[in-house]
Amino acid sequence: GCGIDITSPHGTLVADIGSGTADIAVISLGGMTISKTYKTAG
């Protein structure tokens, strides 16, 4: 949604922080190398 090409071999750190959870992940080659869901948010 941010316009990032997530299939490239370039690391991108995205933190999506909503009402129920905060989802944080490092994305590269269309997958998540490292990810974490923090279940205390809005």
PDB file of all heavy atoms in Angstrom:
ATOM      1  N   GLY A   1       0.808  -1.220   0.000  1.00  0.00           N
ATOM      2  CA  GLY A   1       0.000   0.000   0.000  1.00  0.00           C
ATOM      3  C   GLY A   1       0.835   1.262   0.000  1.00  0.00           C
ATOM      4  O   GLY A   1       0.382   2.322  -0.444  1.00  0.00           O
ATOM      5  N   CYS A   2       2.090   1.151   0.483  1.00  0.00           N
ATOM      6  CA  CYS A   2       3.014   2.295   0.472  1.00  0.00           C
ATOM      7  C   CYS A   2       3.745   2.423  -0.864  1.00  0.00           C
ATOM      8  O   CYS A   2       4.573   3.327  -1.039  1.00  0.00           O
ATOM      9  CB  CYS A   2       4.048   2.150   1.593  1.00  0.00           C
ATOM     10  SG  CYS A   2       3.367   2.290   3.252  1.00  0.00           S
ATOM     11  N   GLY A   3       3.481   1.483  -1.780  1.00  0.00           N
ATOM     12  CA  GLY A   3       4.131   1.537  -3.090  1.00  0.00           C
ATOM     13  C   GLY A   3       5.493   0.888  -3.134  1.00  0.00           C
ATOM     14  O   GLY A   3       6.288   1.151  -4.042  1.00  0.00           O
ATOM     15  N   ILE A   4       5.802   0.024  -2.163  1.00  0.00           N
ATOM     16  CA  ILE A   4       7.112  -0.635  -2.102  1.00  0.00           C
ATOM     17  C   ILE A   4       7.079  -1.944  -2.900  1.00  0.00           C
ATOM     18  O   ILE A   4       6.098  -2.694  -2.830  1.00  0.00           O
ATOM     19  CB  ILE A   4       7.493  -0.915  -0.636  1.00  0.00           C
ATOM     20  CG1 ILE A   4       7.702   0.402   0.106  1.00  0.00           C
ATOM     21  CG2 ILE A   4       8.752  -1.778  -0.536  1.00  0.00           C
ATOM     22  CD1 ILE A   4       7.741   0.263   1.608  1.00  0.00           C
ATOM     23  N   ASP A   5       8.140  -2.211  -3.634  1.00  0.00           N
ATOM     24  CA  ASP A   5       8.275  -3.477  -4.345  1.00  0.00           C
ATOM     25  C   ASP A   5       8.805  -4.512  -3.359  1.00  0.00           C
ATOM     26  O   ASP A   5      10.015  -4.600  -3.105  1.00  0.00           O
ATOM     27  CB  ASP A   5       9.233  -3.327  -5.536  1.00  0.00           C
ATOM     28  CG  ASP A   5       9.446  -4.642  -6.278  1.00  0.00           C
ATOM     29  OD1 ASP A   5       8.677  -5.598  -6.006  1.00  0.00           O
ATOM     30  OD2 ASP A   5      10.367  -4.717  -7.113  1.00  0.00           O
ATOM     31  N   ILE A   6       7.914  -5.297  -2.793  1.00  0.00           N
ATOM     32  CA  ILE A   6       8.319  -6.220  -1.729  1.00  0.00           C
ATOM     33  C   ILE A   6       8.961  -7.490  -2.279  1.00  0.00           C
ATOM     34  O   ILE A   6       9.471  -8.301  -1.507  1.00  0.00           O
ATOM     35  CB  ILE A   6       7.124  -6.586  -0.818  1.00  0.00           C
ATOM     36  CG1 ILE A   6       6.056  -7.363  -1.589  1.00  0.00           C
ATOM     37  CG2 ILE A   6       6.538  -5.348  -0.177  1.00  0.00           C
ATOM     38  CD1 ILE A   6       4.945  -7.905  -0.712  1.00  0.00           C
ATOM     39  N   THR A   7       8.941  -7.686  -3.600  1.00  0.00           N
ATOM     40  CA  THR A   7       9.555  -8.888  -4.178  1.00  0.00           C
ATOM     41  C   THR A   7      11.046  -8.699  -4.469  1.00  0.00           C
ATOM     42  O   THR A   7      11.732  -9.637  -4.847  1.00  0.00           O
ATOM     43  CB  THR A   7       8.844  -9.296  -5.482  1.00  0.00           C
ATOM     44  OG1 THR A   7       8.931  -8.219  -6.418  1.00  0.00           O
ATOM     45  CG2 THR A   7       7.381  -9.625  -5.214  1.00  0.00           C
ATOM     46  N   SER A   8      11.552  -7.481  -4.288  1.00  0.00           N
ATOM     47  CA  SER A   8      12.976  -7.230  -4.555  1.00  0.00           C
ATOM     48  C   SER A   8      13.823  -7.708  -3.370  1.00  0.00           C
ATOM     49  O   SER A   8      13.323  -7.819  -2.243  1.00  0.00           O
ATOM     50  CB  SER A   8      13.214  -5.733  -4.772  1.00  0.00           C
ATOM     51  OG  SER A   8      13.102  -5.031  -3.547  1.00  0.00           O
ATOM     52  N   PRO A   9      15.124  -7.969  -3.593  1.00  0.00           N
ATOM     53  CA  PRO A   9      16.002  -8.416  -2.493  1.00  0.00           C
ATOM     54  C   PRO A   9      16.504  -7.253  -1.651  1.00  0.00           C
ATOM     55  O   PRO A   9      17.676  -7.181  -1.288  1.00  0.00           O
ATOM     56  CB  PRO A   9      17.150  -9.104  -3.253  1.00  0.00           C
ATOM     57  CG  PRO A   9      17.228  -8.360  -4.539  1.00  0.00           C
ATOM     58  CD  PRO A   9      15.815  -7.975  -4.895  1.00  0.00           C
ATOM     59  N   HIS A  10      15.616  -6.330  -1.347  1.00  0.00           N
ATOM     60  CA  HIS A  10      15.948  -5.128  -0.575  1.00  0.00           C
ATOM     61  C   HIS A  10      15.139  -5.164   0.715  1.00  0.00           C
ATOM     62  O   HIS A  10      13.918  -5.347   0.679  1.00  0.00           O
ATOM     63  CB  HIS A  10      15.622  -3.876  -1.395  1.00  0.00           C
ATOM     64  CG  HIS A  10      16.060  -2.602  -0.737  1.00  0.00           C
ATOM     65  ND1 HIS A  10      17.330  -2.072  -0.899  1.00  0.00           N
ATOM     66  CD2 HIS A  10      15.406  -1.754   0.102  1.00  0.00           C
ATOM     67  CE1 HIS A  10      17.422  -0.942  -0.199  1.00  0.00           C
ATOM     68  NE2 HIS A  10      16.274  -0.734   0.419  1.00  0.00           N
ATOM     69  N   GLY A  11      15.794  -5.003   1.848  1.00  0.00           N
ATOM     70  CA  GLY A  11      15.113  -5.075   3.130  1.00  0.00           C
ATOM     71  C   GLY A  11      14.307  -3.830   3.447  1.00  0.00           C
ATOM     72  O   GLY A  11      14.786  -2.707   3.280  1.00  0.00           O
ATOM     73  N   THR A  12      13.070  -4.019   3.894  1.00  0.00           N
ATOM     74  CA  THR A  12      12.198  -2.916   4.287  1.00  0.00           C
ATOM     75  C   THR A  12      11.568  -3.245   5.631  1.00  0.00           C
ATOM     76  O   THR A  12      11.010  -4.336   5.803  1.00  0.00           O
ATOM     77  CB  THR A  12      11.072  -2.700   3.250  1.00  0.00           C
ATOM     78  OG1 THR A  12      11.643  -2.488   1.955  1.00  0.00           O
ATOM     79  CG2 THR A  12      10.220  -1.495   3.618  1.00  0.00           C
ATOM     80  N   LEU A  13      11.672  -2.319   6.582  1.00  0.00           N
ATOM     81  CA  LEU A  13      11.057  -2.517   7.901  1.00  0.00           C
ATOM     82  C   LEU A  13       9.756  -1.729   7.972  1.00  0.00           C
ATOM     83  O   LEU A  13       9.743  -0.500   7.864  1.00  0.00           O
ATOM     84  CB  LEU A  13      12.009  -2.072   9.016  1.00  0.00           C
ATOM     85  CG  LEU A  13      11.474  -2.152  10.461  1.00  0.00           C
ATOM     86  CD1 LEU A  13      10.958  -3.539  10.792  1.00  0.00           C
ATOM     87  CD2 LEU A  13      12.544  -1.746  11.454  1.00  0.00           C
ATOM     88  N   VAL A  14       8.663  -2.462   8.129  1.00  0.00           N
ATOM     89  CA  VAL A  14       7.336  -1.856   8.208  1.00  0.00           C
ATOM     90  C   VAL A  14       6.702  -2.199   9.549  1.00  0.00           C
ATOM     91  O   VAL A  14       6.734  -3.360   9.982  1.00  0.00           O
ATOM     92  CB  VAL A  14       6.420  -2.357   7.064  1.00  0.00           C
ATOM     93  CG1 VAL A  14       5.020  -1.762   7.196  1.00  0.00           C
ATOM     94  CG2 VAL A  14       7.005  -1.993   5.713  1.00  0.00           C
ATOM     95  N   ALA A  15       6.139  -1.201  10.208  1.00  0.00           N
ATOM     96  CA  ALA A  15       5.396  -1.422  11.454  1.00  0.00           C
ATOM     97  C   ALA A  15       3.970  -0.928  11.239  1.00  0.00           C
ATOM     98  O   ALA A  15       3.742   0.267  11.056  1.00  0.00           O
ATOM     99  CB  ALA A  15       6.049  -0.676  12.617  1.00  0.00           C
ATOM    100  N   ASP A  16       3.025  -1.866  11.202  1.00  0.00           N
ATOM    101  CA  ASP A  16       1.608  -1.519  11.036  1.00  0.00           C
ATOM    102  C   ASP A  16       0.954  -1.567  12.413  1.00  0.00           C
ATOM    103  O   ASP A  16       0.800  -2.641  12.997  1.00  0.00           O
ATOM    104  CB  ASP A  16       0.933  -2.502  10.075  1.00  0.00           C
ATOM    105  CG  ASP A  16      -0.537  -2.171   9.876  1.00  0.00           C
ATOM    106  OD1 ASP A  16      -0.835  -1.079   9.358  1.00  0.00           O
ATOM    107  OD2 ASP A  16      -1.392  -2.997  10.256  1.00  0.00           O
ATOM    108  N   ILE A  17       0.588  -0.391  12.922  1.00  0.00           N
ATOM    109  CA  ILE A  17       0.091  -0.292  14.297  1.00  0.00           C
ATOM    110  C   ILE A  17      -1.369   0.126  14.279  1.00  0.00           C
ATOM    111  O   ILE A  17      -1.710   1.266  13.972  1.00  0.00           O
ATOM    112  CB  ILE A  17       0.928   0.730  15.102  1.00  0.00           C
ATOM    113  CG1 ILE A  17       2.411   0.383  14.967  1.00  0.00           C
ATOM    114  CG2 ILE A  17       0.527   0.717  16.560  1.00  0.00           C
ATOM    115  CD1 ILE A  17       3.323   1.552  15.170  1.00  0.00           C
ATOM    116  N   GLY A  18      -2.227  -0.829  14.575  1.00  0.00           N
ATOM    117  CA  GLY A  18      -3.659  -0.582  14.536  1.00  0.00           C
ATOM    118  C   GLY A  18      -4.287  -0.588  15.910  1.00  0.00           C
ATOM    119  O   GLY A  18      -3.638  -0.329  16.914  1.00  0.00           O
ATOM    120  N   SER A  19      -5.567  -0.943  15.945  1.00  0.00           N
ATOM    121  CA  SER A  19      -6.307  -0.955  17.201  1.00  0.00           C
ATOM    122  C   SER A  19      -6.027  -2.218  18.014  1.00  0.00           C
ATOM    123  O   SER A  19      -5.819  -2.158  19.220  1.00  0.00           O
ATOM    124  CB  SER A  19      -7.805  -0.851  16.906  1.00  0.00           C
ATOM    125  OG  SER A  19      -8.553  -0.963  18.080  1.00  0.00           O
ATOM    126  N   GLY A  20      -5.992  -3.365  17.326  1.00  0.00           N
ATOM    127  CA  GLY A  20      -5.821  -4.623  18.035  1.00  0.00           C
ATOM    128  C   GLY A  20      -4.379  -5.053  18.209  1.00  0.00           C
ATOM    129  O   GLY A  20      -4.001  -5.567  19.264  1.00  0.00           O
ATOM    130  N   THR A  21      -3.553  -4.862  17.165  1.00  0.00           N
ATOM    131  CA  THR A  21      -2.173  -5.339  17.207  1.00  0.00           C
ATOM    132  C   THR A  21      -1.207  -4.356  16.560  1.00  0.00           C
ATOM    133  O   THR A  21      -1.608  -3.491  15.780  1.00  0.00           O
ATOM    134  CB  THR A  21      -2.011  -6.693  16.464  1.00  0.00           C
ATOM    135  OG1 THR A  21      -2.350  -6.490  15.083  1.00  0.00           O
ATOM    136  CG2 THR A  21      -2.889  -7.769  17.051  1.00  0.00           C
ATOM    137  N   ALA A  22       0.067  -4.531  16.889  1.00  0.00           N
ATOM    138  CA  ALA A  22       1.154  -3.858  16.172  1.00  0.00           C
ATOM    139  C   ALA A  22       1.936  -4.963  15.480  1.00  0.00           C
ATOM    140  O   ALA A  22       2.496  -5.837  16.144  1.00  0.00           O
ATOM    141  CB  ALA A  22       2.043  -3.086  17.137  1.00  0.00           C
ATOM    142  N   ASP A  23       1.909  -4.965  14.148  1.00  0.00           N
ATOM    143  CA  ASP A  23       2.603  -5.988  13.361  1.00  0.00           C
ATOM    144  C   ASP A  23       3.857  -5.379  12.767  1.00  0.00           C
ATOM    145  O   ASP A  23       3.781  -4.448  11.967  1.00  0.00           O
ATOM    146  CB  ASP A  23       1.699  -6.514  12.251  1.00  0.00           C
ATOM    147  CG  ASP A  23       0.573  -7.382  12.786  1.00  0.00           C
ATOM    148  OD1 ASP A  23       0.867  -8.475  13.265  1.00  0.00           O
ATOM    149  OD2 ASP A  23      -0.593  -6.948  12.745  1.00  0.00           O
ATOM    150  N   ILE A  24       5.005  -5.939  13.142  1.00  0.00           N
ATOM    151  CA  ILE A  24       6.303  -5.407  12.692  1.00  0.00           C
ATOM    152  C   ILE A  24       7.027  -6.494  11.908  1.00  0.00           C
ATOM    153  O   ILE A  24       7.078  -7.650  12.346  1.00  0.00           O
ATOM    154  CB  ILE A  24       7.164  -4.973  13.901  1.00  0.00           C
ATOM    155  CG1 ILE A  24       6.376  -4.023  14.809  1.00  0.00           C
ATOM    156  CG2 ILE A  24       8.447  -4.307  13.448  1.00  0.00           C
ATOM    157  CD1 ILE A  24       6.230  -4.462  16.217  1.00  0.00           C
ATOM    158  N   ALA A  25       7.583  -6.138  10.749  1.00  0.00           N
ATOM    159  CA  ALA A  25       8.268  -7.140   9.946  1.00  0.00           C
ATOM    160  C   ALA A  25       9.327  -6.520   9.051  1.00  0.00           C
ATOM    161  O   ALA A  25       9.188  -5.372   8.610  1.00  0.00           O
ATOM    162  CB  ALA A  25       7.268  -7.917   9.095  1.00  0.00           C
ATOM    163  N   VAL A  26      10.386  -7.295   8.804  1.00  0.00           N
ATOM    164  CA  VAL A  26      11.394  -6.959   7.797  1.00  0.00           C
ATOM    165  C   VAL A  26      11.055  -7.788   6.566  1.00  0.00           C
ATOM    166  O   VAL A  26      11.016  -9.023   6.636  1.00  0.00           O
ATOM    167  CB  VAL A  26      12.815  -7.267   8.284  1.00  0.00           C
ATOM    168  CG1 VAL A  26      13.827  -7.000   7.175  1.00  0.00           C
ATOM    169  CG2 VAL A  26      13.148  -6.440   9.519  1.00  0.00           C
ATOM    170  N   ILE A  27      10.783  -7.114   5.456  1.00  0.00           N
ATOM    171  CA  ILE A  27      10.297  -7.776   4.251  1.00  0.00           C
ATOM    172  C   ILE A  27      11.371  -7.745   3.164  1.00  0.00           C
ATOM    173  O   ILE A  27      11.990  -6.704   2.917  1.00  0.00           O
ATOM    174  CB  ILE A  27       9.011  -7.082   3.741  1.00  0.00           C
ATOM    175  CG1 ILE A  27       7.941  -7.116   4.835  1.00  0.00           C
ATOM    176  CG2 ILE A  27       8.500  -7.737   2.469  1.00  0.00           C
ATOM    177  CD1 ILE A  27       6.805  -6.176   4.620  1.00  0.00           C
ATOM    178  N   SER A  28      11.546  -8.889   2.516  1.00  0.00           N
ATOM    179  CA  SER A  28      12.499  -9.002   1.410  1.00  0.00           C
ATOM    180  C   SER A  28      12.121 -10.205   0.556  1.00  0.00           C
ATOM    181  O   SER A  28      11.691 -11.234   1.099  1.00  0.00           O
ATOM    182  CB  SER A  28      13.926  -9.168   1.941  1.00  0.00           C
ATOM    183  OG  SER A  28      14.843  -9.376   0.892  1.00  0.00           O
ATOM    184  N   LEU A  29      12.229 -10.079  -0.768  1.00  0.00           N
ATOM    185  CA  LEU A  29      11.919 -11.170  -1.706  1.00  0.00           C
ATOM    186  C   LEU A  29      10.514 -11.741  -1.494  1.00  0.00           C
ATOM    187  O   LEU A  29      10.287 -12.948  -1.590  1.00  0.00           O
ATOM    188  CB  LEU A  29      12.960 -12.289  -1.583  1.00  0.00           C
ATOM    189  CG  LEU A  29      14.353 -11.966  -2.147  1.00  0.00           C
ATOM    190  CD1 LEU A  29      15.350 -13.057  -1.787  1.00  0.00           C
ATOM    191  CD2 LEU A  29      14.288 -11.798  -3.653  1.00  0.00           C
ATOM    192  N   GLY A  30       9.567 -10.862  -1.203  1.00  0.00           N
ATOM    193  CA  GLY A  30       8.175 -11.272  -1.079  1.00  0.00           C
ATOM    194  C   GLY A  30       7.826 -11.977   0.208  1.00  0.00           C
ATOM    195  O   GLY A  30       6.677 -12.386   0.416  1.00  0.00           O
ATOM    196  N   GLY A  31       8.795 -12.137   1.105  1.00  0.00           N
ATOM    197  CA  GLY A  31       8.541 -12.818   2.365  1.00  0.00           C
ATOM    198  C   GLY A  31       8.994 -11.984   3.549  1.00  0.00           C
ATOM    199  O   GLY A  31       9.561 -10.902   3.387  1.00  0.00           O
ATOM    200  N   MET A  32       8.725 -12.485   4.751  1.00  0.00           N
ATOM    201  CA  MET A  32       9.123 -11.793   5.973  1.00  0.00           C
ATOM    202  C   MET A  32      10.308 -12.517   6.603  1.00  0.00           C
ATOM    203  O   MET A  32      10.195 -13.679   6.989  1.00  0.00           O
ATOM    204  CB  MET A  32       7.952 -11.718   6.950  1.00  0.00           C
ATOM    205  CG  MET A  32       6.760 -10.937   6.421  1.00  0.00           C
ATOM    206  SD  MET A  32       5.500 -10.638   7.682  1.00  0.00           S
ATOM    207  CE  MET A  32       5.154 -12.294   8.227  1.00  0.00           C
ATOM    208  N   THR A  33      11.437 -11.821   6.676  1.00  0.00           N
ATOM    209  CA  THR A  33      12.639 -12.419   7.264  1.00  0.00           C
ATOM    210  C   THR A  33      12.489 -12.520   8.780  1.00  0.00           C
ATOM    211  O   THR A  33      12.767 -13.551   9.385  1.00  0.00           O
ATOM    212  CB  THR A  33      13.877 -11.565   6.929  1.00  0.00           C
ATOM    213  OG1 THR A  33      13.932 -11.376   5.516  1.00  0.00           O
ATOM    214  CG2 THR A  33      15.150 -12.235   7.399  1.00  0.00           C
ATOM    215  N   ILE A  34      12.072 -11.433   9.387  1.00  0.00           N
ATOM    216  CA  ILE A  34      11.831 -11.368  10.832  1.00  0.00           C
ATOM    217  C   ILE A  34      10.482 -10.683  11.023  1.00  0.00           C
ATOM    218  O   ILE A  34      10.183  -9.688  10.352  1.00  0.00           O
ATOM    219  CB  ILE A  34      12.916 -10.542  11.557  1.00  0.00           C
ATOM    220  CG1 ILE A  34      14.308 -11.147  11.336  1.00  0.00           C
ATOM    221  CG2 ILE A  34      12.622 -10.444  13.059  1.00  0.00           C
ATOM    222  CD1 ILE A  34      14.533 -12.475  12.011  1.00  0.00           C
ATOM    223  N   SER A  35       9.660 -11.193  11.935  1.00  0.00           N
ATOM    224  CA  SER A  35       8.366 -10.549  12.187  1.00  0.00           C
ATOM    225  C   SER A  35       7.963 -10.721  13.644  1.00  0.00           C
ATOM    226  O   SER A  35       8.433 -11.628  14.334  1.00  0.00           O
ATOM    227  CB  SER A  35       7.285 -11.135  11.278  1.00  0.00           C
ATOM    228  OG  SER A  35       7.024 -12.474  11.612  1.00  0.00           O
ATOM    229  N   LYS A  36       7.091  -9.831  14.081  1.00  0.00           N
ATOM    230  CA  LYS A  36       6.589  -9.909  15.459  1.00  0.00           C
ATOM    231  C   LYS A  36       5.229  -9.221  15.543  1.00  0.00           C
ATOM    232  O   LYS A  36       5.019  -8.168  14.944  1.00  0.00           O
ATOM    233  CB  LYS A  36       7.573  -9.232  16.421  1.00  0.00           C
ATOM    234  CG  LYS A  36       7.161  -9.337  17.891  1.00  0.00           C
ATOM    235  CD  LYS A  36       8.283  -8.927  18.831  1.00  0.00           C
ATOM    236  CE  LYS A  36       7.908  -9.181  20.275  1.00  0.00           C
ATOM    237  NZ  LYS A  36       9.023  -8.969  21.197  1.00  0.00           N
ATOM    238  N   THR A  37       4.317  -9.842  16.263  1.00  0.00           N
ATOM    239  CA  THR A  37       3.012  -9.241  16.532  1.00  0.00           C
ATOM    240  C   THR A  37       2.948  -8.880  18.008  1.00  0.00           C
ATOM    241  O   THR A  37       3.111  -9.749  18.872  1.00  0.00           O
ATOM    242  CB  THR A  37       1.864 -10.201  16.181  1.00  0.00           C
ATOM    243  OG1 THR A  37       1.867 -10.438  14.773  1.00  0.00           O
ATOM    244  CG2 THR A  37       0.519  -9.590  16.563  1.00  0.00           C
ATOM    245  N   TYR A  38       2.732  -7.597  18.279  1.00  0.00           N
ATOM    246  CA  TYR A  38       2.592  -7.123  19.663  1.00  0.00           C
ATOM    247  C   TYR A  38       1.107  -6.853  19.894  1.00  0.00           C
ATOM    248  O   TYR A  38       0.520  -5.973  19.264  1.00  0.00           O
ATOM    249  CB  TYR A  38       3.417  -5.847  19.858  1.00  0.00           C
ATOM    250  CG  TYR A  38       3.482  -5.366  21.282  1.00  0.00           C
ATOM    251  CD1 TYR A  38       4.245  -6.024  22.242  1.00  0.00           C
ATOM    252  CD2 TYR A  38       2.783  -4.220  21.679  1.00  0.00           C
ATOM    253  CE1 TYR A  38       4.302  -5.574  23.552  1.00  0.00           C
ATOM    254  CE2 TYR A  38       2.843  -3.756  22.984  1.00  0.00           C
ATOM    255  CZ  TYR A  38       3.600  -4.436  23.927  1.00  0.00           C
ATOM    256  OH  TYR A  38       3.658  -3.992  25.224  1.00  0.00           O
ATOM    257  N   LYS A  39       0.485  -7.650  20.772  1.00  0.00           N
ATOM    258  CA  LYS A  39      -0.971  -7.630  20.892  1.00  0.00           C
ATOM    259  C   LYS A  39      -1.497  -6.620  21.911  1.00  0.00           C
ATOM    260  O   LYS A  39      -2.484  -6.874  22.592  1.00  0.00           O
ATOM    261  CB  LYS A  39      -1.484  -9.032  21.217  1.00  0.00           C
ATOM    262  CG  LYS A  39      -1.229 -10.024  20.084  1.00  0.00           C
ATOM    263  CD  LYS A  39      -1.931 -11.338  20.297  1.00  0.00           C
ATOM    264  CE  LYS A  39      -1.765 -12.240  19.093  1.00  0.00           C
ATOM    265  NZ  LYS A  39      -2.487 -13.513  19.224  1.00  0.00           N
ATOM    266  N   THR A  40      -0.836  -5.487  22.003  1.00  0.00           N
ATOM    267  CA  THR A  40      -1.306  -4.400  22.865  1.00  0.00           C
ATOM    268  C   THR A  40      -1.122  -3.102  22.091  1.00  0.00           C
ATOM    269  O   THR A  40       0.004  -2.643  21.924  1.00  0.00           O
ATOM    270  CB  THR A  40      -0.502  -4.345  24.179  1.00  0.00           C
ATOM    271  OG1 THR A  40      -0.476  -5.648  24.757  1.00  0.00           O
ATOM    272  CG2 THR A  40      -1.141  -3.381  25.168  1.00  0.00           C
ATOM    273  N   ALA A  41      -2.219  -2.538  21.603  1.00  0.00           N
ATOM    274  CA  ALA A  41      -2.098  -1.346  20.753  1.00  0.00           C
ATOM    275  C   ALA A  41      -3.206  -0.327  21.058  1.00  0.00           C
ATOM    276  O   ALA A  41      -3.421   0.010  22.222  1.00  0.00           O
ATOM    277  CB  ALA A  41      -2.100  -1.763  19.285  1.00  0.00           C
ATOM    278  N   GLY A  42      -3.912   0.126  20.033  1.00  0.00           N
ATOM    279  CA  GLY A  42      -4.864   1.227  20.190  1.00  0.00           C
ATOM    280  C   GLY A  42      -5.980   0.985  21.190  1.00  0.00           C
ATOM    281  O   GLY A  42      -6.300   1.856  22.006  1.00  0.00           O
TER     282      GLY A  42
END
